Amino acid sequence: MENQTAQNCAPTTPPTILLVEDFDDTRLMMKLWLVRNGYRVLEAETGEEAVSVAQRALPDLIIMDMMMPGLNGLDATHRIREHQALRTTPIVAVSAYGAEEYRAAAIEAGCDEYVSTPFEPSALNELITSLLTRQAPANLNAQQSDFDH
């Protein structure tokens, strides 16, 4: 009975965001902003690292840089979407390219939204809140077998 009470009183864990960005300064600035806004932040510098961290940690949302050396954001998004437990995880593409064809490519790759830089921090925060609110708690229901793939 005591164990049940302790679990019921446990504080809610803040949403986990995987921040994928190859530029150190940009990643640090965004991480500090996200932490200040109450999120737990995991980081990846490359597309390959993003796929690995996403599969291992099952974040609540991913902010994906599109232009990275090696595995770019589009290809990383494709690979993340292949993982059953990550198929509904919101992914926000971030890129300096604001043209509509880049947005269309990101959405086609599996991203939920596309944000071109520079962006208004309050608008990004509203977008993150909106995506996290509409997302079903799929990651909380992940089966052990989901962690093996």
Protein backbone atom coordinates (compact mmCIF):
# COMPACT_ATOMS: atom_id res chain seq x y z
CA MET A 1 0.00 0.00 0.00
CA GLU A 2 2.83 2.42 0.82
CA ASN A 3 4.37 1.81 -2.60
CA GLN A 4 1.09 2.72 -4.32
CA THR A 5 0.87 5.96 -2.39
CA ALA A 6 4.44 6.92 -3.27
CA GLN A 7 3.76 6.31 -6.96
CA ASN A 8 0.56 8.35 -6.87
CA CYS A 9 2.35 11.29 -5.25
CA ALA A 10 5.37 11.21 -7.56
CA PRO A 11 5.86 14.50 -9.42
CA THR A 12 5.02 14.51 -13.10
CA THR A 13 8.07 14.09 -15.30
CA PRO A 14 8.53 17.00 -17.69
CA PRO A 15 8.18 16.18 -21.40
CA THR A 16 11.39 14.97 -23.02
CA ILE A 17 12.54 16.68 -26.19
CA LEU A 18 15.28 15.31 -28.42
CA LEU A 19 17.12 18.31 -29.88
CA VAL A 20 19.00 17.43 -33.07
CA GLU A 21 21.38 20.19 -34.21
CA ASP A 22 24.92 19.98 -35.59
CA PHE A 23 26.02 23.51 -34.62
CA ASP A 24 27.15 23.59 -30.98
CA ASP A 25 26.19 27.23 -30.34
CA THR A 26 22.70 26.84 -31.78
CA ARG A 27 22.14 23.58 -29.91
CA LEU A 28 23.28 25.12 -26.60
CA MET A 29 21.08 28.19 -27.06
CA MET A 30 18.02 26.07 -27.92
CA LYS A 31 18.72 23.63 -25.08
CA LEU A 32 18.92 26.43 -22.51
CA TRP A 33 15.68 27.91 -23.83
CA LEU A 34 13.90 24.53 -23.73
CA VAL A 35 15.13 23.74 -20.20
CA ARG A 36 14.03 27.20 -19.05
CA ASN A 37 10.58 26.41 -20.46
CA GLY A 38 10.31 23.24 -18.39
CA TYR A 39 11.44 20.50 -20.78
CA ARG A 40 13.92 17.70 -20.28
CA VAL A 41 16.35 17.85 -23.21
CA LEU A 42 18.35 15.12 -24.89
CA GLU A 43 20.84 16.10 -27.56
CA ALA A 44 22.14 14.70 -30.83
CA GLU A 45 24.65 16.29 -33.20
CA THR A 46 24.10 14.04 -36.22
CA GLY A 47 21.27 12.26 -37.94
CA GLU A 48 22.77 8.90 -37.02
CA GLU A 49 22.95 9.90 -33.37
CA ALA A 50 19.37 11.21 -33.53
CA VAL A 51 18.07 7.83 -34.72
CA SER A 52 19.98 6.00 -32.00
CA VAL A 53 18.95 8.34 -29.15
CA ALA A 54 15.32 8.41 -30.31
CA GLN A 55 15.09 4.62 -30.41
CA ARG A 56 16.71 4.27 -27.00
CA ALA A 57 14.99 7.12 -25.13
CA LEU A 58 11.58 7.41 -26.88
CA PRO A 59 11.30 11.20 -26.47
CA ASP A 60 7.95 12.96 -26.36
CA LEU A 61 8.93 15.30 -29.22
CA ILE A 62 11.88 15.75 -31.59
CA ILE A 63 13.24 19.02 -32.95
CA MET A 64 15.14 18.01 -36.08
CA ASP A 65 17.66 20.14 -37.94
CA MET A 66 17.29 19.42 -41.65
CA MET A 67 20.78 20.25 -42.90
CA MET A 68 23.47 18.13 -41.28
CA PRO A 69 26.50 16.35 -42.68
CA GLY A 70 26.09 12.61 -43.15
CA LEU A 71 22.54 11.50 -42.48
CA ASN A 72 20.46 14.66 -42.97
CA GLY A 73 17.26 15.48 -41.10
CA LEU A 74 14.96 14.11 -43.80
CA ASP A 75 16.70 10.73 -43.87
CA ALA A 76 16.94 10.61 -40.07
CA THR A 77 13.19 11.30 -39.86
CA HIS A 78 12.49 8.44 -42.29
CA ARG A 79 14.56 6.07 -40.15
CA ILE A 80 12.94 7.24 -36.90
CA ARG A 81 9.47 6.69 -38.38
CA GLU A 82 10.39 3.08 -39.20
CA HIS A 83 10.57 2.37 -35.44
CA GLN A 84 7.10 1.32 -34.22
CA ALA A 85 7.26 3.18 -30.90
CA LEU A 86 8.22 6.45 -32.68
CA ARG A 87 5.65 6.50 -35.47
CA THR A 88 3.44 9.07 -33.72
CA THR A 89 6.15 11.05 -31.92
CA PRO A 90 5.86 14.67 -33.08
CA ILE A 91 8.85 15.82 -35.13
CA VAL A 92 9.41 19.51 -35.83
CA ALA A 93 11.75 20.21 -38.75
CA VAL A 94 13.94 23.28 -38.32
CA SER A 95 15.84 24.81 -41.23
CA ALA A 96 17.18 28.10 -42.51
CA TYR A 97 15.44 27.41 -45.81
CA GLY A 98 11.97 28.93 -45.77
CA ALA A 99 10.84 27.90 -49.24
CA GLU A 100 7.63 25.89 -49.52
CA GLU A 101 9.38 22.96 -51.26
CA TYR A 102 11.56 22.41 -48.16
CA ARG A 103 8.48 22.37 -45.95
CA ALA A 104 6.77 19.90 -48.29
CA ALA A 105 9.84 17.63 -48.29
CA ALA A 106 9.96 17.68 -44.47
CA ILE A 107 6.27 16.84 -44.15
CA GLU A 108 6.61 14.09 -46.73
CA ALA A 109 9.57 12.64 -44.78
CA GLY A 110 7.36 12.32 -41.68
CA CYS A 111 7.75 15.63 -39.86
CA ASP A 112 4.63 17.08 -38.27
CA GLU A 113 5.62 20.72 -38.68
CA TYR A 114 8.29 22.84 -40.34
CA VAL A 115 9.83 25.95 -38.79
CA SER A 116 12.25 28.16 -40.68
CA THR A 117 14.91 30.09 -38.80
CA PRO A 118 15.04 32.62 -37.40
CA PHE A 119 11.81 31.91 -35.55
CA GLU A 120 9.91 33.60 -32.77
CA PRO A 121 10.55 31.62 -29.53
CA SER A 122 6.99 32.14 -28.29
CA ALA A 123 5.63 30.71 -31.56
CA LEU A 124 7.87 27.65 -31.21
CA ASN A 125 6.74 27.18 -27.62
CA GLU A 126 3.07 27.32 -28.70
CA LEU A 127 3.80 24.79 -31.45
CA ILE A 128 5.56 22.41 -29.03
CA THR A 129 2.73 22.72 -26.50
CA SER A 130 0.16 22.08 -29.21
CA LEU A 131 1.97 18.99 -30.53
CA LEU A 132 2.53 17.55 -27.05
CA THR A 133 -1.11 18.16 -26.08
CA ARG A 134 -2.59 16.46 -29.14
CA GLN A 135 -0.20 13.51 -28.95
CA ALA A 136 -1.60 10.36 -27.36
CA PRO A 137 0.64 9.05 -24.58
CA ALA A 138 1.92 6.27 -26.88
CA ASN A 139 5.40 6.27 -25.38
CA LEU A 140 4.00 5.54 -21.93
CA ASN A 141 2.44 2.38 -23.33
CA ALA A 142 5.56 1.12 -25.10
CA GLN A 143 5.97 -2.61 -24.91
CA GLN A 144 9.31 -4.17 -23.99
CA SER A 145 9.55 -5.48 -27.55
CA ASP A 146 9.54 -1.84 -28.77
CA PHE A 147 12.84 -1.29 -27.00
CA ASP A 148 14.42 -4.21 -28.84
CA HIS A 149 13.96 -2.75 -32.33
